[in-house]
Amino acid sequence: MPAKKIAMTVALSALATTLIGAPAAPAAAGAAPAVAVPAASAAAHDAGVQTLHYVCANTLWLRTQPGGNVYIGQLVYGDYVDYQYSITGWSYVYAYRFQRYGWIQSGWLDPC
């Protein structure tokens, strides 16, 4: 990846964190998250792997399950998501627009 794109990605990541902040804590003390994130993904995130990406599609559905027809909402070009992991063409992401985790088609994340 070119140095200019790396610097821009890091700057946008810092901006997103500043503007949006960390995801909200579970409502009840000790409550488990709705969907568990695999340990490998959490380890990669902790190791400093870049996970912030933007949507390259004009519109892209955020879904409750891969290929499912229950939608959380519609992302648009330029929206930021925090990539967690992928399975067979679907990526599990945290969508800042909706402040929720969900599934999107993998081919529509940067680089466009």
PDB file of N, CA and C in Angstrom:
ATOM      1  N   MET A   1       0.850  -1.167   0.000  1.00  0.00           N
ATOM      2  CA  MET A   1       0.000   0.000   0.000  1.00  0.00           C
ATOM      3  C   MET A   1       0.894   1.228   0.000  1.00  0.00           C
ATOM      4  N   PRO A   2       0.589   2.221  -0.853  1.00  0.00           N
ATOM      5  CA  PRO A   2       1.402   3.432  -0.904  1.00  0.00           C
ATOM      6  C   PRO A   2       1.371   4.179   0.430  1.00  0.00           C
ATOM      7  N   ALA A   3       2.476   4.856   0.737  1.00  0.00           N
ATOM      8  CA  ALA A   3       2.610   5.577   2.008  1.00  0.00           C
ATOM      9  C   ALA A   3       1.510   6.619   2.180  1.00  0.00           C
ATOM     10  N   LYS A   4       1.118   7.292   1.093  1.00  0.00           N
ATOM     11  CA  LYS A   4       0.076   8.319   1.175  1.00  0.00           C
ATOM     12  C   LYS A   4      -1.254   7.702   1.619  1.00  0.00           C
ATOM     13  N   LYS A   5      -1.587   6.527   1.074  1.00  0.00           N
ATOM     14  CA  LYS A   5      -2.840   5.869   1.439  1.00  0.00           C
ATOM     15  C   LYS A   5      -2.786   5.380   2.886  1.00  0.00           C
ATOM     16  N   ILE A   6      -1.641   4.886   3.329  1.00  0.00           N
ATOM     17  CA  ILE A   6      -1.493   4.435   4.714  1.00  0.00           C
ATOM     18  C   ILE A   6      -1.694   5.615   5.662  1.00  0.00           C
ATOM     19  N   ALA A   7      -1.044   6.741   5.364  1.00  0.00           N
ATOM     20  CA  ALA A   7      -1.176   7.920   6.214  1.00  0.00           C
ATOM     21  C   ALA A   7      -2.620   8.397   6.255  1.00  0.00           C
ATOM     22  N   MET A   8      -3.305   8.383   5.110  1.00  0.00           N
ATOM     23  CA  MET A   8      -4.696   8.807   5.043  1.00  0.00           C
ATOM     24  C   MET A   8      -5.592   7.852   5.843  1.00  0.00           C
ATOM     25  N   THR A   9      -5.348   6.549   5.724  1.00  0.00           N
ATOM     26  CA  THR A   9      -6.130   5.560   6.447  1.00  0.00           C
ATOM     27  C   THR A   9      -5.963   5.724   7.946  1.00  0.00           C
ATOM     28  N   VAL A  10      -4.740   5.932   8.402  1.00  0.00           N
ATOM     29  CA  VAL A  10      -4.472   6.132   9.828  1.00  0.00           C
ATOM     30  C   VAL A  10      -5.145   7.409  10.318  1.00  0.00           C
ATOM     31  N   ALA A  11      -5.053   8.478   9.532  1.00  0.00           N
ATOM     32  CA  ALA A  11      -5.673   9.750   9.918  1.00  0.00           C
ATOM     33  C   ALA A  11      -7.187   9.609   9.993  1.00  0.00           C
ATOM     34  N   LEU A  12      -7.789   8.923   9.032  1.00  0.00           N
ATOM     35  CA  LEU A  12      -9.239   8.726   9.041  1.00  0.00           C
ATOM     36  C   LEU A  12      -9.663   7.850  10.204  1.00  0.00           C
ATOM     37  N   SER A  13      -8.853   6.859  10.531  1.00  0.00           N
ATOM     38  CA  SER A  13      -9.145   6.001  11.673  1.00  0.00           C
ATOM     39  C   SER A  13      -9.177   6.821  12.957  1.00  0.00           C
ATOM     40  N   ALA A  14      -8.195   7.689  13.137  1.00  0.00           N
ATOM     41  CA  ALA A  14      -8.146   8.543  14.325  1.00  0.00           C
ATOM     42  C   ALA A  14      -9.331   9.497  14.351  1.00  0.00           C
ATOM     43  N   LEU A  15      -9.699  10.044  13.190  1.00  0.00           N
ATOM     44  CA  LEU A  15     -10.839  10.953  13.106  1.00  0.00           C
ATOM     45  C   LEU A  15     -12.130  10.234  13.459  1.00  0.00           C
ATOM     46  N   ALA A  16     -12.316   9.034  12.930  1.00  0.00           N
ATOM     47  CA  ALA A  16     -13.530   8.261  13.224  1.00  0.00           C
ATOM     48  C   ALA A  16     -13.630   7.962  14.712  1.00  0.00           C
ATOM     49  N   THR A  17     -12.515   7.602  15.327  1.00  0.00           N
ATOM     50  CA  THR A  17     -12.513   7.319  16.764  1.00  0.00           C
ATOM     51  C   THR A  17     -12.854   8.581  17.552  1.00  0.00           C
ATOM     52  N   THR A  18     -12.325   9.720  17.129  1.00  0.00           N
ATOM     53  CA  THR A  18     -12.595  10.979  17.811  1.00  0.00           C
ATOM     54  C   THR A  18     -14.057  11.375  17.672  1.00  0.00           C
ATOM     55  N   LEU A  19     -14.607  11.265  16.454  1.00  0.00           N
ATOM     56  CA  LEU A  19     -15.978  11.690  16.204  1.00  0.00           C
ATOM     57  C   LEU A  19     -17.009  10.731  16.769  1.00  0.00           C
ATOM     58  N   ILE A  20     -16.749   9.447  16.659  1.00  0.00           N
ATOM     59  CA  ILE A  20     -17.742   8.444  17.003  1.00  0.00           C
ATOM     60  C   ILE A  20     -17.493   7.851  18.373  1.00  0.00           C
ATOM     61  N   GLY A  21     -16.244   7.681  18.734  1.00  0.00           N
ATOM     62  CA  GLY A  21     -15.911   7.090  20.018  1.00  0.00           C
ATOM     63  C   GLY A  21     -15.980   5.575  19.959  1.00  0.00           C
ATOM     64  N   ALA A  22     -15.813   4.968  21.096  1.00  0.00           N
ATOM     65  CA  ALA A  22     -15.838   3.507  21.188  1.00  0.00           C
ATOM     66  C   ALA A  22     -17.278   3.024  21.160  1.00  0.00           C
ATOM     67  N   PRO A  23     -17.514   1.778  20.721  1.00  0.00           N
ATOM     68  CA  PRO A  23     -18.864   1.227  20.741  1.00  0.00           C
ATOM     69  C   PRO A  23     -19.416   1.230  22.169  1.00  0.00           C
ATOM     70  N   ALA A  24     -20.727   1.383  22.266  1.00  0.00           N
ATOM     71  CA  ALA A  24     -21.377   1.438  23.573  1.00  0.00           C
ATOM     72  C   ALA A  24     -21.235   0.117  24.313  1.00  0.00           C
ATOM     73  N   ALA A  25     -21.168   0.198  25.635  1.00  0.00           N
ATOM     74  CA  ALA A  25     -21.088  -0.998  26.471  1.00  0.00           C
ATOM     75  C   ALA A  25     -22.442  -1.692  26.497  1.00  0.00           C
ATOM     76  N   PRO A  26     -22.475  -2.999  26.800  1.00  0.00           N
ATOM     77  CA  PRO A  26     -23.753  -3.701  26.903  1.00  0.00           C
ATOM     78  C   PRO A  26     -24.643  -3.015  27.944  1.00  0.00           C
ATOM     79  N   ALA A  27     -25.967  -3.095  27.738  1.00  0.00           N
ATOM     80  CA  ALA A  27     -26.921  -2.413  28.605  1.00  0.00           C
ATOM     81  C   ALA A  27     -26.856  -2.900  30.048  1.00  0.00           C
ATOM     82  N   ALA A  28     -26.773  -4.197  30.247  1.00  0.00           N
ATOM     83  CA  ALA A  28     -26.751  -4.748  31.599  1.00  0.00           C
ATOM     84  C   ALA A  28     -25.321  -5.119  31.966  1.00  0.00           C
ATOM     85  N   ALA A  29     -24.969  -4.918  33.225  1.00  0.00           N
ATOM     86  CA  ALA A  29     -23.623  -5.274  33.680  1.00  0.00           C
ATOM     87  C   ALA A  29     -23.416  -6.768  33.525  1.00  0.00           C
ATOM     88  N   GLY A  30     -22.315  -7.144  32.904  1.00  0.00           N
ATOM     89  CA  GLY A  30     -21.990  -8.552  32.716  1.00  0.00           C
ATOM     90  C   GLY A  30     -22.710  -9.197  31.552  1.00  0.00           C
ATOM     91  N   ALA A  31     -23.516  -8.454  30.791  1.00  0.00           N
ATOM     92  CA  ALA A  31     -24.246  -9.027  29.667  1.00  0.00           C
ATOM     93  C   ALA A  31     -23.285  -9.329  28.528  1.00  0.00           C
ATOM     94  N   ALA A  32     -23.483 -10.457  27.872  1.00  0.00           N
ATOM     95  CA  ALA A  32     -22.644 -10.849  26.746  1.00  0.00           C
ATOM     96  C   ALA A  32     -23.060 -10.076  25.503  1.00  0.00           C
ATOM     97  N   PRO A  33     -22.122  -9.791  24.588  1.00  0.00           N
ATOM     98  CA  PRO A  33     -22.501  -9.124  23.352  1.00  0.00           C
ATOM     99  C   PRO A  33     -23.430 -10.008  22.535  1.00  0.00           C
ATOM    100  N   ALA A  34     -24.219  -9.405  21.663  1.00  0.00           N
ATOM    101  CA  ALA A  34     -25.191 -10.150  20.859  1.00  0.00           C
ATOM    102  C   ALA A  34     -24.508 -11.183  19.969  1.00  0.00           C
ATOM    103  N   VAL A  35     -23.341 -10.848  19.414  1.00  0.00           N
ATOM    104  CA  VAL A  35     -22.602 -11.771  18.556  1.00  0.00           C
ATOM    105  C   VAL A  35     -21.162 -11.787  19.023  1.00  0.00           C
ATOM    106  N   ALA A  36     -20.640 -12.953  19.293  1.00  0.00           N
ATOM    107  CA  ALA A  36     -19.258 -13.063  19.759  1.00  0.00           C
ATOM    108  C   ALA A  36     -18.296 -12.910  18.590  1.00  0.00           C
ATOM    109  N   VAL A  37     -17.211 -12.207  18.800  1.00  0.00           N
ATOM    110  CA  VAL A  37     -16.173 -12.036  17.788  1.00  0.00           C
ATOM    111  C   VAL A  37     -15.127 -13.123  18.014  1.00  0.00           C
ATOM    112  N   PRO A  38     -14.733 -13.841  16.944  1.00  0.00           N
ATOM    113  CA  PRO A  38     -13.732 -14.901  17.109  1.00  0.00           C
ATOM    114  C   PRO A  38     -12.447 -14.378  17.741  1.00  0.00           C
ATOM    115  N   ALA A  39     -11.802 -15.208  18.531  1.00  0.00           N
ATOM    116  CA  ALA A  39     -10.579 -14.826  19.227  1.00  0.00           C
ATOM    117  C   ALA A  39      -9.489 -14.390  18.260  1.00  0.00           C
ATOM    118  N   ALA A  40      -9.395 -15.054  17.099  1.00  0.00           N
ATOM    119  CA  ALA A  40      -8.366 -14.701  16.116  1.00  0.00           C
ATOM    120  C   ALA A  40      -8.557 -13.268  15.633  1.00  0.00           C
ATOM    121  N   SER A  41      -9.805 -12.856  15.427  1.00  0.00           N
ATOM    122  CA  SER A  41     -10.081 -11.502  14.979  1.00  0.00           C
ATOM    123  C   SER A  41      -9.718 -10.497  16.063  1.00  0.00           C
ATOM    124  N   ALA A  42     -10.077 -10.805  17.296  1.00  0.00           N
ATOM    125  CA  ALA A  42      -9.754  -9.913  18.411  1.00  0.00           C
ATOM    126  C   ALA A  42      -8.246  -9.791  18.571  1.00  0.00           C
ATOM    127  N   ALA A  43      -7.518 -10.895  18.417  1.00  0.00           N
ATOM    128  CA  ALA A  43      -6.057 -10.861  18.536  1.00  0.00           C
ATOM    129  C   ALA A  43      -5.445 -10.003  17.436  1.00  0.00           C
ATOM    130  N   ALA A  44      -5.954 -10.125  16.209  1.00  0.00           N
ATOM    131  CA  ALA A  44      -5.443  -9.320  15.100  1.00  0.00           C
ATOM    132  C   ALA A  44      -5.715  -7.841  15.361  1.00  0.00           C
ATOM    133  N   HIS A  45      -6.901  -7.541  15.888  1.00  0.00           N
ATOM    134  CA  HIS A  45      -7.251  -6.159  16.182  1.00  0.00           C
ATOM    135  C   HIS A  45      -6.320  -5.598  17.251  1.00  0.00           C
ATOM    136  N   ASP A  46      -6.065  -6.387  18.300  1.00  0.00           N
ATOM    137  CA  ASP A  46      -5.171  -5.958  19.368  1.00  0.00           C
ATOM    138  C   ASP A  46      -3.731  -5.805  18.891  1.00  0.00           C
ATOM    139  N   ALA A  47      -3.349  -6.553  17.861  1.00  0.00           N
ATOM    140  CA  ALA A  47      -1.979  -6.497  17.348  1.00  0.00           C
ATOM    141  C   ALA A  47      -1.760  -5.280  16.459  1.00  0.00           C
ATOM    142  N   GLY A  48      -2.781  -4.458  16.255  1.00  0.00           N
ATOM    143  CA  GLY A  48      -2.628  -3.240  15.470  1.00  0.00           C
ATOM    144  C   GLY A  48      -2.916  -3.419  13.994  1.00  0.00           C
ATOM    145  N   VAL A  49      -3.575  -4.497  13.596  1.00  0.00           N
ATOM    146  CA  VAL A  49      -3.936  -4.701  12.200  1.00  0.00           C
ATOM    147  C   VAL A  49      -4.990  -3.661  11.833  1.00  0.00           C
ATOM    148  N   GLN A  50      -4.814  -2.992  10.693  1.00  0.00           N
ATOM    149  CA  GLN A  50      -5.762  -1.960  10.269  1.00  0.00           C
ATOM    150  C   GLN A  50      -7.092  -2.600   9.927  1.00  0.00           C
ATOM    151  N   THR A  51      -8.150  -2.183  10.602  1.00  0.00           N
ATOM    152  CA  THR A  51      -9.456  -2.770  10.378  1.00  0.00           C
ATOM    153  C   THR A  51     -10.482  -1.767   9.876  1.00  0.00           C
ATOM    154  N   LEU A  52     -10.177  -0.468   9.847  1.00  0.00           N
ATOM    155  CA  LEU A  52     -11.125   0.535   9.397  1.00  0.00           C
ATOM    156  C   LEU A  52     -11.122   0.596   7.878  1.00  0.00           C
ATOM    157  N   HIS A  53     -12.281   0.423   7.290  1.00  0.00           N
ATOM    158  CA  HIS A  53     -12.436   0.454   5.833  1.00  0.00           C
ATOM    159  C   HIS A  53     -13.624   1.328   5.483  1.00  0.00           C
ATOM    160  N   TYR A  54     -13.690   1.725   4.206  1.00  0.00           N
ATOM    161  CA  TYR A  54     -14.865   2.465   3.782  1.00  0.00           C
ATOM    162  C   TYR A  54     -15.591   1.700   2.693  1.00  0.00           C
ATOM    163  N   VAL A  55     -16.872   1.985   2.550  1.00  0.00           N
ATOM    164  CA  VAL A  55     -17.745   1.314   1.590  1.00  0.00           C
ATOM    165  C   VAL A  55     -17.520   1.910   0.216  1.00  0.00           C
ATOM    166  N   CYS A  56     -17.349   1.040  -0.798  1.00  0.00           N
ATOM    167  CA  CYS A  56     -17.104   1.484  -2.168  1.00  0.00           C
ATOM    168  C   CYS A  56     -18.356   1.437  -3.038  1.00  0.00           C
ATOM    169  N   ALA A  57     -19.429   0.862  -2.541  1.00  0.00           N
ATOM    170  CA  ALA A  57     -20.675   0.774  -3.312  1.00  0.00           C
ATOM    171  C   ALA A  57     -21.501   2.044  -3.113  1.00  0.00           C
ATOM    172  N   ASN A  58     -22.358   2.363  -4.092  1.00  0.00           N
ATOM    173  CA  ASN A  58     -23.266   3.499  -3.917  1.00  0.00           C
ATOM    174  C   ASN A  58     -24.176   3.254  -2.717  1.00  0.00           C
ATOM    175  N   THR A  59     -24.727   2.040  -2.627  1.00  0.00           N
ATOM    176  CA  THR A  59     -25.513   1.622  -1.472  1.00  0.00           C
ATOM    177  C   THR A  59     -25.182   0.162  -1.176  1.00  0.00           C
ATOM    178  N   LEU A  60     -25.201  -0.206   0.087  1.00  0.00           N
ATOM    179  CA  LEU A  60     -24.845  -1.562   0.500  1.00  0.00           C
ATOM    180  C   LEU A  60     -25.631  -1.904   1.758  1.00  0.00           C
ATOM    181  N   TRP A  61     -26.356  -3.026   1.710  1.00  0.00           N
ATOM    182  CA  TRP A  61     -27.176  -3.431   2.852  1.00  0.00           C
ATOM    183  C   TRP A  61     -26.319  -4.033   3.960  1.00  0.00           C
ATOM    184  N   LEU A  62     -26.539  -3.589   5.182  1.00  0.00           N
ATOM    185  CA  LEU A  62     -25.966  -4.197   6.375  1.00  0.00           C
ATOM    186  C   LEU A  62     -27.014  -5.194   6.862  1.00  0.00           C
ATOM    187  N   ARG A  63     -26.628  -6.462   6.961  1.00  0.00           N
ATOM    188  CA  ARG A  63     -27.580  -7.535   7.245  1.00  0.00           C
ATOM    189  C   ARG A  63     -27.305  -8.187   8.596  1.00  0.00           C
ATOM    190  N   THR A  64     -28.307  -8.887   9.105  1.00  0.00           N
ATOM    191  CA  THR A  64     -28.168  -9.579  10.386  1.00  0.00           C
ATOM    192  C   THR A  64     -27.409 -10.890  10.250  1.00  0.00           C
ATOM    193  N   GLN A  65     -27.354 -11.454   9.038  1.00  0.00           N
ATOM    194  CA  GLN A  65     -26.606 -12.692   8.798  1.00  0.00           C
ATOM    195  C   GLN A  65     -26.130 -12.708   7.357  1.00  0.00           C
ATOM    196  N   PRO A  66     -25.083 -13.489   7.045  1.00  0.00           N
ATOM    197  CA  PRO A  66     -24.562 -13.514   5.670  1.00  0.00           C
ATOM    198  C   PRO A  66     -25.638 -13.978   4.696  1.00  0.00           C
ATOM    199  N   GLY A  67     -25.909 -13.189   3.683  1.00  0.00           N
ATOM    200  CA  GLY A  67     -26.890 -13.548   2.662  1.00  0.00           C
ATOM    201  C   GLY A  67     -28.321 -13.483   3.146  1.00  0.00           C
ATOM    202  N   GLY A  68     -28.538 -13.033   4.358  1.00  0.00           N
ATOM    203  CA  GLY A  68     -29.886 -12.983   4.918  1.00  0.00           C
ATOM    204  C   GLY A  68     -30.711 -11.854   4.330  1.00  0.00           C
ATOM    205  N   ASN A  69     -32.029 -11.938   4.541  1.00  0.00           N
ATOM    206  CA  ASN A  69     -32.900 -10.888   4.020  1.00  0.00           C
ATOM    207  C   ASN A  69     -33.501 -10.035   5.134  1.00  0.00           C
ATOM    208  N   VAL A  70     -32.881 -10.068   6.315  1.00  0.00           N
ATOM    209  CA  VAL A  70     -33.257  -9.157   7.397  1.00  0.00           C
ATOM    210  C   VAL A  70     -32.171  -8.083   7.447  1.00  0.00           C
ATOM    211  N   TYR A  71     -32.581  -6.833   7.193  1.00  0.00           N
ATOM    212  CA  TYR A  71     -31.630  -5.744   7.054  1.00  0.00           C
ATOM    213  C   TYR A  71     -31.603  -4.853   8.289  1.00  0.00           C
ATOM    214  N   ILE A  72     -30.407  -4.419   8.650  1.00  0.00           N
ATOM    215  CA  ILE A  72     -30.226  -3.445   9.729  1.00  0.00           C
ATOM    216  C   ILE A  72     -30.378  -2.042   9.154  1.00  0.00           C
ATOM    217  N   GLY A  73     -29.810  -1.837   7.970  1.00  0.00           N
ATOM    218  CA  GLY A  73     -29.884  -0.536   7.316  1.00  0.00           C
ATOM    219  C   GLY A  73     -29.022  -0.523   6.071  1.00  0.00           C
ATOM    220  N   GLN A  74     -29.010   0.611   5.406  1.00  0.00           N
ATOM    221  CA  GLN A  74     -28.286   0.732   4.153  1.00  0.00           C
ATOM    222  C   GLN A  74     -27.094   1.673   4.313  1.00  0.00           C
ATOM    223  N   LEU A  75     -25.901   1.152   4.037  1.00  0.00           N
ATOM    224  CA  LEU A  75     -24.686   1.956   4.036  1.00  0.00           C
ATOM    225  C   LEU A  75     -24.541   2.625   2.684  1.00  0.00           C
ATOM    226  N   VAL A  76     -23.829   3.735   2.636  1.00  0.00           N
ATOM    227  CA  VAL A  76     -23.607   4.442   1.375  1.00  0.00           C
ATOM    228  C   VAL A  76     -22.107   4.637   1.143  1.00  0.00           C
ATOM    229  N   TYR A  77     -21.763   4.994  -0.083  1.00  0.00           N
ATOM    230  CA  TYR A  77     -20.365   5.203  -0.460  1.00  0.00           C
ATOM    231  C   TYR A  77     -19.685   6.138   0.542  1.00  0.00           C
ATOM    232  N   GLY A  78     -18.532   5.688   1.057  1.00  0.00           N
ATOM    233  CA  GLY A  78     -17.754   6.505   1.970  1.00  0.00           C
ATOM    234  C   GLY A  78     -18.017   6.230   3.443  1.00  0.00           C
ATOM    235  N   ASP A  79     -19.084   5.479   3.766  1.00  0.00           N
ATOM    236  CA  ASP A  79     -19.326   5.121   5.168  1.00  0.00           C
ATOM    237  C   ASP A  79     -18.180   4.264   5.681  1.00  0.00           C
ATOM    238  N   TYR A  80     -17.830   4.448   6.949  1.00  0.00           N
ATOM    239  CA  TYR A  80     -16.753   3.670   7.551  1.00  0.00           C
ATOM    240  C   TYR A  80     -17.298   2.490   8.328  1.00  0.00           C
ATOM    241  N   VAL A  81     -16.584   1.374   8.203  1.00  0.00           N
ATOM    242  CA  VAL A  81     -16.906   0.162   8.959  1.00  0.00           C
ATOM    243  C   VAL A  81     -15.614  -0.376   9.554  1.00  0.00           C
ATOM    244  N   ASP A  82     -15.738  -1.031  10.678  1.00  0.00           N
ATOM    245  CA  ASP A  82     -14.592  -1.658  11.327  1.00  0.00           C
ATOM    246  C   ASP A  82     -14.666  -3.149  11.003  1.00  0.00           C
ATOM    247  N   TYR A  83     -13.772  -3.610  10.133  1.00  0.00           N
ATOM    248  CA  TYR A  83     -13.757  -4.997   9.669  1.00  0.00           C
ATOM    249  C   TYR A  83     -13.354  -5.931  10.809  1.00  0.00           C
ATOM    250  N   GLN A  84     -14.109  -7.033  10.958  1.00  0.00           N
ATOM    251  CA  GLN A  84     -13.818  -8.027  11.985  1.00  0.00           C
ATOM    252  C   GLN A  84     -13.255  -9.306  11.353  1.00  0.00           C
ATOM    253  N   TYR A  85     -14.021  -9.947  10.457  1.00  0.00           N
ATOM    254  CA  TYR A  85     -13.569 -11.168   9.773  1.00  0.00           C
ATOM    255  C   TYR A  85     -14.498 -11.464   8.598  1.00  0.00           C
ATOM    256  N   SER A  86     -14.112 -12.417   7.751  1.00  0.00           N
ATOM    257  CA  SER A  86     -14.902 -12.786   6.565  1.00  0.00           C
ATOM    258  C   SER A  86     -15.122 -14.285   6.499  1.00  0.00           C
ATOM    259  N   ILE A  87     -16.236 -14.651   5.877  1.00  0.00           N
ATOM    260  CA  ILE A  87     -16.509 -16.043   5.509  1.00  0.00           C
ATOM    261  C   ILE A  87     -17.231 -16.042   4.170  1.00  0.00           C
ATOM    262  N   THR A  88     -16.785 -16.874   3.261  1.00  0.00           N
ATOM    263  CA  THR A  88     -17.381 -17.059   1.932  1.00  0.00           C
ATOM    264  C   THR A  88     -18.052 -15.832   1.325  1.00  0.00           C
ATOM    265  N   GLY A  89     -17.284 -14.790   1.111  1.00  0.00           N
ATOM    266  CA  GLY A  89     -17.781 -13.622   0.402  1.00  0.00           C
ATOM    267  C   GLY A  89     -18.542 -12.612   1.254  1.00  0.00           C
ATOM    268  N   TRP A  90     -18.624 -12.849   2.545  1.00  0.00           N
ATOM    269  CA  TRP A  90     -19.324 -11.937   3.451  1.00  0.00           C
ATOM    270  C   TRP A  90     -18.378 -11.482   4.553  1.00  0.00           C
ATOM    271  N   SER A  91     -18.450 -10.217   4.913  1.00  0.00           N
ATOM    272  CA  SER A  91     -17.602  -9.658   5.965  1.00  0.00           C
ATOM    273  C   SER A  91     -18.459  -9.225   7.141  1.00  0.00           C
ATOM    274  N   TYR A  92     -17.993  -9.585   8.332  1.00  0.00           N
ATOM    275  CA  TYR A  92     -18.644  -9.171   9.566  1.00  0.00           C
ATOM    276  C   TYR A  92     -17.980  -7.877  10.001  1.00  0.00           C
ATOM    277  N   VAL A  93     -18.759  -6.803  10.149  1.00  0.00           N
ATOM    278  CA  VAL A  93     -18.209  -5.478  10.401  1.00  0.00           C
ATOM    279  C   VAL A  93     -19.001  -4.758  11.490  1.00  0.00           C
ATOM    280  N   TYR A  94     -18.374  -3.735  12.067  1.00  0.00           N
ATOM    281  CA  TYR A  94     -19.082  -2.800  12.924  1.00  0.00           C
ATOM    282  C   TYR A  94     -19.346  -1.566  12.073  1.00  0.00           C
ATOM    283  N   ALA A  95     -20.626  -1.229  11.859  1.00  0.00           N
ATOM    284  CA  ALA A  95     -21.004  -0.077  11.034  1.00  0.00           C
ATOM    285  C   ALA A  95     -21.221   1.132  11.932  1.00  0.00           C
ATOM    286  N   TYR A  96     -20.377   2.144  11.784  1.00  0.00           N
ATOM    287  CA  TYR A  96     -20.475   3.332  12.617  1.00  0.00           C
ATOM    288  C   TYR A  96     -21.778   4.089  12.386  1.00  0.00           C
ATOM    289  N   ARG A  97     -22.312   4.060  11.168  1.00  0.00           N
ATOM    290  CA  ARG A  97     -23.562   4.765  10.857  1.00  0.00           C
ATOM    291  C   ARG A  97     -24.699   4.268  11.750  1.00  0.00           C
ATOM    292  N   PHE A  98     -24.753   2.973  12.005  1.00  0.00           N
ATOM    293  CA  PHE A  98     -25.841   2.378  12.787  1.00  0.00           C
ATOM    294  C   PHE A  98     -25.409   1.960  14.192  1.00  0.00           C
ATOM    295  N   GLN A  99     -24.111   2.056  14.478  1.00  0.00           N
ATOM    296  CA  GLN A  99     -23.551   1.634  15.758  1.00  0.00           C
ATOM    297  C   GLN A  99     -23.969   0.200  16.080  1.00  0.00           C
ATOM    298  N   ARG A 100     -23.822  -0.661  15.061  1.00  0.00           N
ATOM    299  CA  ARG A 100     -24.206  -2.068  15.193  1.00  0.00           C
ATOM    300  C   ARG A 100     -23.252  -2.933  14.392  1.00  0.00           C
ATOM    301  N   TYR A 101     -23.143  -4.196  14.798  1.00  0.00           N
ATOM    302  CA  TYR A 101     -22.419  -5.187  14.018  1.00  0.00           C
ATOM    303  C   TYR A 101     -23.381  -5.808  13.015  1.00  0.00           C
ATOM    304  N   GLY A 102     -22.836  -6.199  11.862  1.00  0.00           N
ATOM    305  CA  GLY A 102     -23.653  -6.859  10.854  1.00  0.00           C
ATOM    306  C   GLY A 102     -22.788  -7.388   9.731  1.00  0.00           C
ATOM    307  N   TRP A 103     -23.441  -7.907   8.711  1.00  0.00           N
ATOM    308  CA  TRP A 103     -22.767  -8.536   7.575  1.00  0.00           C
ATOM    309  C   TRP A 103     -22.966  -7.726   6.305  1.00  0.00           C
ATOM    310  N   ILE A 104     -21.887  -7.609   5.516  1.00  0.00           N
ATOM    311  CA  ILE A 104     -21.952  -6.969   4.199  1.00  0.00           C
ATOM    312  C   ILE A 104     -21.228  -7.858   3.199  1.00  0.00           C
ATOM    313  N   GLN A 105     -21.520  -7.651   1.909  1.00  0.00           N
ATOM    314  CA  GLN A 105     -20.801  -8.376   0.874  1.00  0.00           C
ATOM    315  C   GLN A 105     -19.362  -7.879   0.835  1.00  0.00           C
ATOM    316  N   SER A 106     -18.413  -8.806   0.883  1.00  0.00           N
ATOM    317  CA  SER A 106     -16.986  -8.464   1.033  1.00  0.00           C
ATOM    318  C   SER A 106     -16.399  -7.625  -0.094  1.00  0.00           C
ATOM    319  N   GLY A 107     -16.874  -7.782  -1.298  1.00  0.00           N
ATOM    320  CA  GLY A 107     -16.278  -7.092  -2.445  1.00  0.00           C
ATOM    321  C   GLY A 107     -16.481  -5.595  -2.474  1.00  0.00           C
ATOM    322  N   TRP A 108     -17.247  -5.041  -1.533  1.00  0.00           N
ATOM    323  CA  TRP A 108     -17.574  -3.626  -1.577  1.00  0.00           C
ATOM    324  C   TRP A 108     -16.851  -2.794  -0.531  1.00  0.00           C
ATOM    325  N   LEU A 109     -15.734  -3.321  -0.022  1.00  0.00           N
ATOM    326  CA  LEU A 109     -14.883  -2.547   0.884  1.00  0.00           C
ATOM    327  C   LEU A 109     -13.671  -2.034   0.117  1.00  0.00           C
ATOM    328  N   ASP A 110     -13.037  -0.949   0.611  1.00  0.00           N
ATOM    329  CA  ASP A 110     -11.838  -0.434  -0.053  1.00  0.00           C
ATOM    330  C   ASP A 110     -10.739  -1.487  -0.084  1.00  0.00           C
ATOM    331  N   PRO A 111      -9.803  -1.480  -0.984  1.00  0.00           N
ATOM    332  CA  PRO A 111      -9.636  -0.483  -2.029  1.00  0.00           C
ATOM    333  C   PRO A 111     -10.672  -0.675  -3.129  1.00  0.00           C
ATOM    334  N   CYS A 112     -11.211   0.438  -3.594  1.00  0.00           N
ATOM    335  CA  CYS A 112     -12.283   0.395  -4.621  1.00  0.00           C
ATOM    336  C   CYS A 112     -11.699   0.142  -5.996  1.00  0.00           C
TER     337      CYS A 112
END
